[in-house]
């Protein structure tokens, strides 16, 4: 009986995490769809990506998400 309780508890936590992750992914997709990226910005991004990943032209997903939050912070901060 104890094992069933633990299993149920773990399942509930996993479901909550899954729901939270799904919500977050939906929010990120919406932000990406609203983004207006110019060709010059894309070229700059590709150059930075190439440097960051040793010339392979890749950025890890975590780094990309962190960069998006940093950009949001900089764009939304008051001008000095």
PDB file of N, CA and C in Angstrom:
ATOM      1  N   UNK A   1       0.821  -1.189   0.000  1.00  0.00           N
ATOM      2  CA  UNK A   1       0.000   0.000   0.000  1.00  0.00           C
ATOM      3  C   UNK A   1       0.868   1.257   0.000  1.00  0.00           C
ATOM      4  N   UNK A   2       1.963   1.221   0.711  1.00  0.00           N
ATOM      5  CA  UNK A   2       2.865   2.370   0.751  1.00  0.00           C
ATOM      6  C   UNK A   2       3.440   2.636  -0.632  1.00  0.00           C
ATOM      7  N   UNK A   3       3.787   1.574  -1.358  1.00  0.00           N
ATOM      8  CA  UNK A   3       4.332   1.742  -2.692  1.00  0.00           C
ATOM      9  C   UNK A   3       3.332   2.415  -3.621  1.00  0.00           C
ATOM     10  N   UNK A   4       2.050   2.084  -3.497  1.00  0.00           N
ATOM     11  CA  UNK A   4       1.026   2.714  -4.327  1.00  0.00           C
ATOM     12  C   UNK A   4       0.925   4.201  -4.027  1.00  0.00           C
ATOM     13  N   UNK A   5       1.029   4.575  -2.753  1.00  0.00           N
ATOM     14  CA  UNK A   5       0.967   5.984  -2.364  1.00  0.00           C
ATOM     15  C   UNK A   5       2.151   6.743  -2.937  1.00  0.00           C
ATOM     16  N   UNK A   6       3.342   6.171  -2.833  1.00  0.00           N
ATOM     17  CA  UNK A   6       4.531   6.815  -3.394  1.00  0.00           C
ATOM     18  C   UNK A   6       4.401   6.959  -4.896  1.00  0.00           C
ATOM     19  N   UNK A   7       3.939   5.915  -5.545  1.00  0.00           N
ATOM     20  CA  UNK A   7       3.777   5.935  -6.991  1.00  0.00           C
ATOM     21  C   UNK A   7       2.781   7.003  -7.408  1.00  0.00           C
ATOM     22  N   UNK A   8       1.674   7.097  -6.705  1.00  0.00           N
ATOM     23  CA  UNK A   8       0.656   8.099  -7.004  1.00  0.00           C
ATOM     24  C   UNK A   8       1.196   9.503  -6.784  1.00  0.00           C
ATOM     25  N   UNK A   9       1.935   9.684  -5.698  1.00  0.00           N
ATOM     26  CA  UNK A   9       2.519  10.988  -5.388  1.00  0.00           C
ATOM     27  C   UNK A   9       3.519  11.407  -6.452  1.00  0.00           C
ATOM     28  N   UNK A  10       4.365  10.481  -6.884  1.00  0.00           N
ATOM     29  CA  UNK A  10       5.337  10.785  -7.925  1.00  0.00           C
ATOM     30  C   UNK A  10       4.631  11.106  -9.229  1.00  0.00           C
ATOM     31  N   UNK A  11       3.577  10.366  -9.535  1.00  0.00           N
ATOM     32  CA  UNK A  11       2.833  10.597 -10.759  1.00  0.00           C
ATOM     33  C   UNK A  11       2.206  11.989 -10.758  1.00  0.00           C
ATOM     34  N   UNK A  12       1.664  12.411  -9.628  1.00  0.00           N
ATOM     35  CA  UNK A  12       1.071  13.745  -9.525  1.00  0.00           C
ATOM     36  C   UNK A  12       2.125  14.826  -9.733  1.00  0.00           C
ATOM     37  N   UNK A  13       3.301  14.650  -9.144  1.00  0.00           N
ATOM     38  CA  UNK A  13       4.376  15.631  -9.318  1.00  0.00           C
ATOM     39  C   UNK A  13       4.823  15.692 -10.764  1.00  0.00           C
ATOM     40  N   UNK A  14       4.961  14.517 -11.380  1.00  0.00           N
ATOM     41  CA  UNK A  14       5.367  14.476 -12.778  1.00  0.00           C
ATOM     42  C   UNK A  14       4.329  15.144 -13.662  1.00  0.00           C
ATOM     43  N   UNK A  15       3.057  14.946 -13.362  1.00  0.00           N
ATOM     44  CA  UNK A  15       1.989  15.578 -14.130  1.00  0.00           C
ATOM     45  C   UNK A  15       2.047  17.091 -13.982  1.00  0.00           C
ATOM     46  N   UNK A  16       2.261  17.580 -12.760  1.00  0.00           N
ATOM     47  CA  UNK A  16       2.362  19.026 -12.536  1.00  0.00           C
ATOM     48  C   UNK A  16       3.546  19.602 -13.289  1.00  0.00           C
ATOM     49  N   UNK A  17       4.686  18.910 -13.253  1.00  0.00           N
ATOM     50  CA  UNK A  17       5.867  19.377 -13.988  1.00  0.00           C
ATOM     51  C   UNK A  17       5.592  19.395 -15.478  1.00  0.00           C
ATOM     52  N   UNK A  18       4.937  18.345 -15.956  1.00  0.00           N
ATOM     53  CA  UNK A  18       4.617  18.251 -17.370  1.00  0.00           C
ATOM     54  C   UNK A  18       3.689  19.389 -17.792  1.00  0.00           C
ATOM     55  N   UNK A  19       2.684  19.674 -16.973  1.00  0.00           N
ATOM     56  CA  UNK A  19       1.766  20.780 -17.271  1.00  0.00           C
ATOM     57  C   UNK A  19       2.503  22.111 -17.269  1.00  0.00           C
ATOM     58  N   UNK A  20       3.377  22.315 -16.294  1.00  0.00           N
ATOM     59  CA  UNK A  20       4.138  23.566 -16.213  1.00  0.00           C
ATOM     60  C   UNK A  20       5.062  23.701 -17.413  1.00  0.00           C
ATOM     61  N   UNK A  21       5.705  22.608 -17.798  1.00  0.00           N
ATOM     62  CA  UNK A  21       6.600  22.639 -18.952  1.00  0.00           C
ATOM     63  C   UNK A  21       5.821  22.924 -20.226  1.00  0.00           C
ATOM     64  N   UNK A  22       4.674  22.300 -20.366  1.00  0.00           N
ATOM     65  CA  UNK A  22       3.837  22.528 -21.539  1.00  0.00           C
ATOM     66  C   UNK A  22       3.410  23.990 -21.634  1.00  0.00           C
ATOM     67  N   UNK A  23       3.037  24.572 -20.511  1.00  0.00           N
ATOM     68  CA  UNK A  23       2.655  25.985 -20.476  1.00  0.00           C
ATOM     69  C   UNK A  23       3.828  26.865 -20.881  1.00  0.00           C
ATOM     70  N   UNK A  24       4.998  26.565 -20.351  1.00  0.00           N
ATOM     71  CA  UNK A  24       6.195  27.365 -20.657  1.00  0.00           C
ATOM     72  C   UNK A  24       6.564  27.262 -22.129  1.00  0.00           C
ATOM     73  N   UNK A  25       6.497  26.062 -22.693  1.00  0.00           N
ATOM     74  CA  UNK A  25       6.808  25.875 -24.111  1.00  0.00           C
ATOM     75  C   UNK A  25       5.821  26.658 -24.971  1.00  0.00           C
ATOM     76  N   UNK A  26       4.550  26.643 -24.602  1.00  0.00           N
ATOM     77  CA  UNK A  26       3.535  27.401 -25.333  1.00  0.00           C
ATOM     78  C   UNK A  26       3.844  28.892 -25.299  1.00  0.00           C
ATOM     79  N   UNK A  27       4.253  29.398 -24.126  1.00  0.00           N
ATOM     80  CA  UNK A  27       4.611  30.813 -24.004  1.00  0.00           C
ATOM     81  C   UNK A  27       5.808  31.157 -24.882  1.00  0.00           C
ATOM     82  N   UNK A  28       6.807  30.296 -24.885  1.00  0.00           N
ATOM     83  CA  UNK A  28       8.003  30.551 -25.692  1.00  0.00           C
ATOM     84  C   UNK A  28       7.657  30.515 -27.176  1.00  0.00           C
ATOM     85  N   UNK A  29       6.830  29.562 -27.596  1.00  0.00           N
ATOM     86  CA  UNK A  29       6.409  29.499 -28.999  1.00  0.00           C
ATOM     87  C   UNK A  29       5.693  30.782 -29.408  1.00  0.00           C
ATOM     88  N   UNK A  30       4.814  31.281 -28.545  1.00  0.00           N
ATOM     89  CA  UNK A  30       4.078  32.511 -28.847  1.00  0.00           C
ATOM     90  C   UNK A  30       5.037  33.684 -29.000  1.00  0.00           C
ATOM     91  N   UNK A  31       6.021  33.776 -28.116  1.00  0.00           N
ATOM     92  CA  UNK A  31       7.011  34.858 -28.204  1.00  0.00           C
ATOM     93  C   UNK A  31       7.820  34.754 -29.490  1.00  0.00           C
ATOM     94  N   UNK A  32       8.180  33.537 -29.869  1.00  0.00           N
ATOM     95  CA  UNK A  32       8.960  33.350 -31.091  1.00  0.00           C
ATOM     96  C   UNK A  32       8.143  33.733 -32.318  1.00  0.00           C
ATOM     97  N   UNK A  33       6.847  33.401 -32.309  1.00  0.00           N
ATOM     98  CA  UNK A  33       5.993  33.734 -33.444  1.00  0.00           C
ATOM     99  C   UNK A  33       5.792  35.242 -33.573  1.00  0.00           C
ATOM    100  N   UNK A  34       5.842  35.961 -32.458  1.00  0.00           N
ATOM    101  CA  UNK A  34       5.660  37.407 -32.481  1.00  0.00           C
ATOM    102  C   UNK A  34       6.947  38.146 -32.832  1.00  0.00           C
ATOM    103  N   UNK A  35       8.068  37.461 -32.747  1.00  0.00           N
ATOM    104  CA  UNK A  35       9.355  38.106 -32.998  1.00  0.00           C
ATOM    105  C   UNK A  35       9.462  38.518 -34.462  1.00  0.00           C
ATOM    106  N   UNK A  36      10.021  39.678 -34.656  1.00  0.00           N
ATOM    107  CA  UNK A  36      10.271  40.164 -36.008  1.00  0.00           C
ATOM    108  C   UNK A  36      11.787  40.263 -36.159  1.00  0.00           C
ATOM    109  N   UNK A  37      12.360  39.263 -36.799  1.00  0.00           N
ATOM    110  CA  UNK A  37      13.808  39.165 -36.915  1.00  0.00           C
ATOM    111  C   UNK A  37      14.212  39.528 -38.334  1.00  0.00           C
ATOM    112  N   UNK A  38      15.160  40.453 -38.433  1.00  0.00           N
ATOM    113  CA  UNK A  38      15.639  40.864 -39.750  1.00  0.00           C
ATOM    114  C   UNK A  38      16.710  39.889 -40.239  1.00  0.00           C
ATOM    115  N   UNK A  39      17.004  39.976 -41.516  1.00  0.00           N
ATOM    116  CA  UNK A  39      18.044  39.121 -42.093  1.00  0.00           C
ATOM    117  C   UNK A  39      19.404  39.431 -41.465  1.00  0.00           C
ATOM    118  N   UNK A  40      19.679  40.716 -41.216  1.00  0.00           N
ATOM    119  CA  UNK A  40      20.944  41.098 -40.576  1.00  0.00           C
ATOM    120  C   UNK A  40      21.048  40.520 -39.167  1.00  0.00           C
ATOM    121  N   UNK A  41      19.946  40.536 -38.425  1.00  0.00           N
ATOM    122  CA  UNK A  41      19.952  39.961 -37.082  1.00  0.00           C
ATOM    123  C   UNK A  41      20.208  38.458 -37.133  1.00  0.00           C
ATOM    124  N   UNK A  42      19.634  37.787 -38.122  1.00  0.00           N
ATOM    125  CA  UNK A  42      19.845  36.348 -38.257  1.00  0.00           C
ATOM    126  C   UNK A  42      21.301  36.052 -38.598  1.00  0.00           C
ATOM    127  N   UNK A  43      21.895  36.851 -39.471  1.00  0.00           N
ATOM    128  CA  UNK A  43      23.308  36.660 -39.814  1.00  0.00           C
ATOM    129  C   UNK A  43      24.190  36.866 -38.587  1.00  0.00           C
ATOM    130  N   UNK A  44      23.878  37.889 -37.800  1.00  0.00           N
ATOM    131  CA  UNK A  44      24.638  38.141 -36.572  1.00  0.00           C
ATOM    132  C   UNK A  44      24.496  36.969 -35.617  1.00  0.00           C
ATOM    133  N   UNK A  45      23.295  36.475 -35.457  1.00  0.00           N
ATOM    134  CA  UNK A  45      23.055  35.322 -34.588  1.00  0.00           C
ATOM    135  C   UNK A  45      23.879  34.122 -35.043  1.00  0.00           C
ATOM    136  N   UNK A  46      23.899  33.863 -36.337  1.00  0.00           N
ATOM    137  CA  UNK A  46      24.645  32.717 -36.855  1.00  0.00           C
ATOM    138  C   UNK A  46      26.142  32.869 -36.609  1.00  0.00           C
ATOM    139  N   UNK A  47      26.658  34.097 -36.726  1.00  0.00           N
ATOM    140  CA  UNK A  47      28.079  34.336 -36.450  1.00  0.00           C
ATOM    141  C   UNK A  47      28.396  34.067 -34.985  1.00  0.00           C
ATOM    142  N   UNK A  48      27.541  34.556 -34.101  1.00  0.00           N
ATOM    143  CA  UNK A  48      27.746  34.338 -32.664  1.00  0.00           C
ATOM    144  C   UNK A  48      27.640  32.850 -32.342  1.00  0.00           C
ATOM    145  N   UNK A  49      26.669  32.181 -32.930  1.00  0.00           N
ATOM    146  CA  UNK A  49      26.497  30.746 -32.689  1.00  0.00           C
ATOM    147  C   UNK A  49      27.731  29.969 -33.124  1.00  0.00           C
ATOM    148  N   UNK A  50      28.298  30.350 -34.249  1.00  0.00           N
ATOM    149  CA  UNK A  50      29.492  29.664 -34.743  1.00  0.00           C
ATOM    150  C   UNK A  50      30.656  29.831 -33.778  1.00  0.00           C
ATOM    151  N   UNK A  51      30.788  31.006 -33.213  1.00  0.00           N
ATOM    152  CA  UNK A  51      31.868  31.266 -32.257  1.00  0.00           C
ATOM    153  C   UNK A  51      31.622  30.503 -30.960  1.00  0.00           C
ATOM    154  N   UNK A  52      30.382  30.526 -30.489  1.00  0.00           N
ATOM    155  CA  UNK A  52      30.058  29.908 -29.199  1.00  0.00           C
ATOM    156  C   UNK A  52      30.235  28.398 -29.205  1.00  0.00           C
ATOM    157  N   UNK A  53      30.003  27.747 -30.287  1.00  0.00           N
ATOM    158  CA  UNK A  53      30.076  26.287 -30.329  1.00  0.00           C
ATOM    159  C   UNK A  53      31.261  25.806 -31.148  1.00  0.00           C
ATOM    160  N   UNK A  54      32.368  26.508 -31.047  1.00  0.00           N
ATOM    161  CA  UNK A  54      33.584  26.041 -31.697  1.00  0.00           C
ATOM    162  C   UNK A  54      33.456  25.880 -33.197  1.00  0.00           C
ATOM    163  N   UNK A  55      32.715  26.764 -33.830  1.00  0.00           N
ATOM    164  CA  UNK A  55      32.587  26.727 -35.276  1.00  0.00           C
ATOM    165  C   UNK A  55      31.525  25.773 -35.790  1.00  0.00           C
ATOM    166  N   UNK A  56      30.819  25.087 -34.904  1.00  0.00           N
ATOM    167  CA  UNK A  56      29.789  24.156 -35.353  1.00  0.00           C
ATOM    168  C   UNK A  56      28.460  24.848 -35.637  1.00  0.00           C
ATOM    169  N   UNK A  57      28.339  26.109 -35.249  1.00  0.00           N
ATOM    170  CA  UNK A  57      27.123  26.861 -35.537  1.00  0.00           C
ATOM    171  C   UNK A  57      25.925  26.471 -34.705  1.00  0.00           C
ATOM    172  N   UNK A  58      26.178  25.961 -33.480  1.00  0.00           N
ATOM    173  CA  UNK A  58      25.068  25.544 -32.620  1.00  0.00           C
ATOM    174  C   UNK A  58      25.164  26.248 -31.278  1.00  0.00           C
ATOM    175  N   UNK A  59      24.009  26.477 -30.686  1.00  0.00           N
ATOM    176  CA  UNK A  59      23.928  26.985 -29.317  1.00  0.00           C
ATOM    177  C   UNK A  59      23.016  26.026 -28.567  1.00  0.00           C
ATOM    178  N   UNK A  60      23.430  25.629 -27.390  1.00  0.00           N
ATOM    179  CA  UNK A  60      22.596  24.748 -26.578  1.00  0.00           C
ATOM    180  C   UNK A  60      21.282  25.459 -26.254  1.00  0.00           C
ATOM    181  N   UNK A  61      20.227  24.711 -26.132  1.00  0.00           N
ATOM    182  CA  UNK A  61      18.896  25.266 -25.868  1.00  0.00           C
ATOM    183  C   UNK A  61      18.898  26.115 -24.599  1.00  0.00           C
ATOM    184  N   UNK A  62      19.544  25.633 -23.543  1.00  0.00           N
ATOM    185  CA  UNK A  62      19.583  26.392 -22.288  1.00  0.00           C
ATOM    186  C   UNK A  62      20.235  27.752 -22.486  1.00  0.00           C
ATOM    187  N   UNK A  63      21.310  27.791 -23.281  1.00  0.00           N
ATOM    188  CA  UNK A  63      21.991  29.058 -23.546  1.00  0.00           C
ATOM    189  C   UNK A  63      21.102  30.001 -24.350  1.00  0.00           C
ATOM    190  N   UNK A  64      20.364  29.451 -25.286  1.00  0.00           N
ATOM    191  CA  UNK A  64      19.464  30.264 -26.102  1.00  0.00           C
ATOM    192  C   UNK A  64      18.341  30.854 -25.257  1.00  0.00           C
ATOM    193  N   UNK A  65      17.784  30.056 -24.368  1.00  0.00           N
ATOM    194  CA  UNK A  65      16.731  30.549 -23.479  1.00  0.00           C
ATOM    195  C   UNK A  65      17.286  31.624 -22.554  1.00  0.00           C
ATOM    196  N   UNK A  66      18.479  31.383 -21.999  1.00  0.00           N
ATOM    197  CA  UNK A  66      19.102  32.377 -21.123  1.00  0.00           C
ATOM    198  C   UNK A  66      19.342  33.677 -21.877  1.00  0.00           C
ATOM    199  N   UNK A  67      19.786  33.578 -23.117  1.00  0.00           N
ATOM    200  CA  UNK A  67      20.020  34.776 -23.921  1.00  0.00           C
ATOM    201  C   UNK A  67      18.723  35.534 -24.168  1.00  0.00           C
ATOM    202  N   UNK A  68      17.624  34.815 -24.361  1.00  0.00           N
ATOM    203  CA  UNK A  68      16.347  35.497 -24.597  1.00  0.00           C
ATOM    204  C   UNK A  68      15.899  36.259 -23.363  1.00  0.00           C
ATOM    205  N   UNK A  69      16.117  35.674 -22.170  1.00  0.00           N
ATOM    206  CA  UNK A  69      15.749  36.379 -20.946  1.00  0.00           C
ATOM    207  C   UNK A  69      16.642  37.591 -20.726  1.00  0.00           C
ATOM    208  N   UNK A  70      17.919  37.462 -21.042  1.00  0.00           N
ATOM    209  CA  UNK A  70      18.846  38.583 -20.911  1.00  0.00           C
ATOM    210  C   UNK A  70      18.430  39.716 -21.839  1.00  0.00           C
ATOM    211  N   UNK A  71      18.079  39.366 -23.058  1.00  0.00           N
ATOM    212  CA  UNK A  71      17.636  40.369 -24.022  1.00  0.00           C
ATOM    213  C   UNK A  71      16.380  41.068 -23.530  1.00  0.00           C
ATOM    214  N   UNK A  72      15.419  40.299 -23.022  1.00  0.00           N
ATOM    215  CA  UNK A  72      14.192  40.891 -22.478  1.00  0.00           C
ATOM    216  C   UNK A  72      14.511  41.863 -21.352  1.00  0.00           C
ATOM    217  N   UNK A  73      15.413  41.465 -20.476  1.00  0.00           N
ATOM    218  CA  UNK A  73      15.786  42.314 -19.341  1.00  0.00           C
ATOM    219  C   UNK A  73      16.407  43.608 -19.830  1.00  0.00           C
ATOM    220  N   UNK A  74      17.310  43.505 -20.790  1.00  0.00           N
ATOM    221  CA  UNK A  74      17.974  44.703 -21.309  1.00  0.00           C
ATOM    222  C   UNK A  74      16.991  45.616 -22.034  1.00  0.00           C
ATOM    223  N   UNK A  75      16.099  45.036 -22.805  1.00  0.00           N
ATOM    224  CA  UNK A  75      15.139  45.845 -23.557  1.00  0.00           C
ATOM    225  C   UNK A  75      14.104  46.504 -22.656  1.00  0.00           C
ATOM    226  N   UNK A  76      13.777  45.866 -21.549  1.00  0.00           N
ATOM    227  CA  UNK A  76      12.746  46.389 -20.653  1.00  0.00           C
ATOM    228  C   UNK A  76      13.295  47.227 -19.509  1.00  0.00           C
ATOM    229  N   UNK A  77      14.609  47.334 -19.403  1.00  0.00           N
ATOM    230  CA  UNK A  77      15.184  48.120 -18.308  1.00  0.00           C
ATOM    231  C   UNK A  77      15.142  49.601 -18.665  1.00  0.00           C
ATOM    232  N   UNK A  78      15.022  50.469 -17.648  1.00  0.00           N
ATOM    233  CA  UNK A  78      14.985  51.908 -17.918  1.00  0.00           C
ATOM    234  C   UNK A  78      16.320  52.387 -18.482  1.00  0.00           C
ATOM    235  N   UNK A  79      16.243  53.329 -19.392  1.00  0.00           N
ATOM    236  CA  UNK A  79      17.458  53.911 -19.984  1.00  0.00           C
ATOM    237  C   UNK A  79      18.167  54.757 -18.951  1.00  0.00           C
ATOM    238  N   UNK A  80      19.489  54.731 -18.996  1.00  0.00           N
ATOM    239  CA  UNK A  80      20.269  55.548 -18.054  1.00  0.00           C
ATOM    240  C   UNK A  80      20.728  56.813 -18.704  1.00  0.00           C
TER     241      UNK A  80
END
